[in-house]
Every structure is written in structure tokens, then in C-alpha cells.
Amino acid sequence: SGLSVTLTPSSGTKCFITYTVHSCGQSGYGHGLSLLRGNTSLYRGASSGNKQRLSNFVYCNNNNQIDVFQGEFLDTHGADGSTAVTYKLQMYVATPGWTVWLNRAGTGEADSRSWGRVISQITVTEVAA
């Protein structure tokens, strides 16, 4: 998704992560997000058969439907005060090769007042333990 934050948190602190992501996927297919610290998946659903464990998920009914993914998570990062930590959002597309758009509608978007553009963000706040 291109949304990431890198910081060097102090030893004994925690990181509070919040995010809002606007996305639009192709009709008839699902997509979602995973919140990660480095390569470790955080804030995800329970294991259930072949289902993906994700932070957020939506099944798209319309190529121009913009969905909002939001989340917040308090992480005990385990960093020692000298190690950088990267939090990132990784997009999941249920059908490889299909398209997901960020911050805009899909295929039917026109250059008119009927359409808008939105913004996505990730914020990481270091807090005392």
C-alpha cells in the first residue's frame, strides 16, 4: 500500500498505531489489509480454515465503491532504544492479478464534481508502558 512509518522507540515503551485507508477493488472479489511490524503480522483475525488472517477485509460489490479500513492497535514492540521499528500496511487481494485502487474509485471514475478524492494515513505514537 505504500503506507509505513519507521521510528526508533525507547526501551520499555509501547507504540500505538492508528490508520485509515480508503480503497476500491474490482466487483465480485475481496481485498483487505494486514498491519505488520517488520515482517510480523499484528492485529489480525482468528484462524479459520483457508481464510486469510487480516486486519481488515471487504468483499466488493461495485467497481466504484470506496471502502474505508480503520484500525488501532497498541503494540509491545520489544525494541531496545537503538533499533528501528517499521510499521506498515500490506494490501491483500483475494484474486492475484486483480486491481485495488487506493484513495480513489475504480474503473468508472470521471473528471467531474460527482467524484471525490480521499486520503489514507498511518500514525504511530510512542507511549509510556
Foldseek 3Di string as FASTA:
>chain_A
DPAKDKDQAAPQWKKKKKKKWKKFWDAQWKKAKFKDWPPHTDQWDDDDPPDDTHNDMDHHHHQFDIDMDIDIDIGPPRGHRPDMIMIDMDMGTRDPPTDMDTQGGGDPDDPDPVGDGDDIHMDMDIGHD
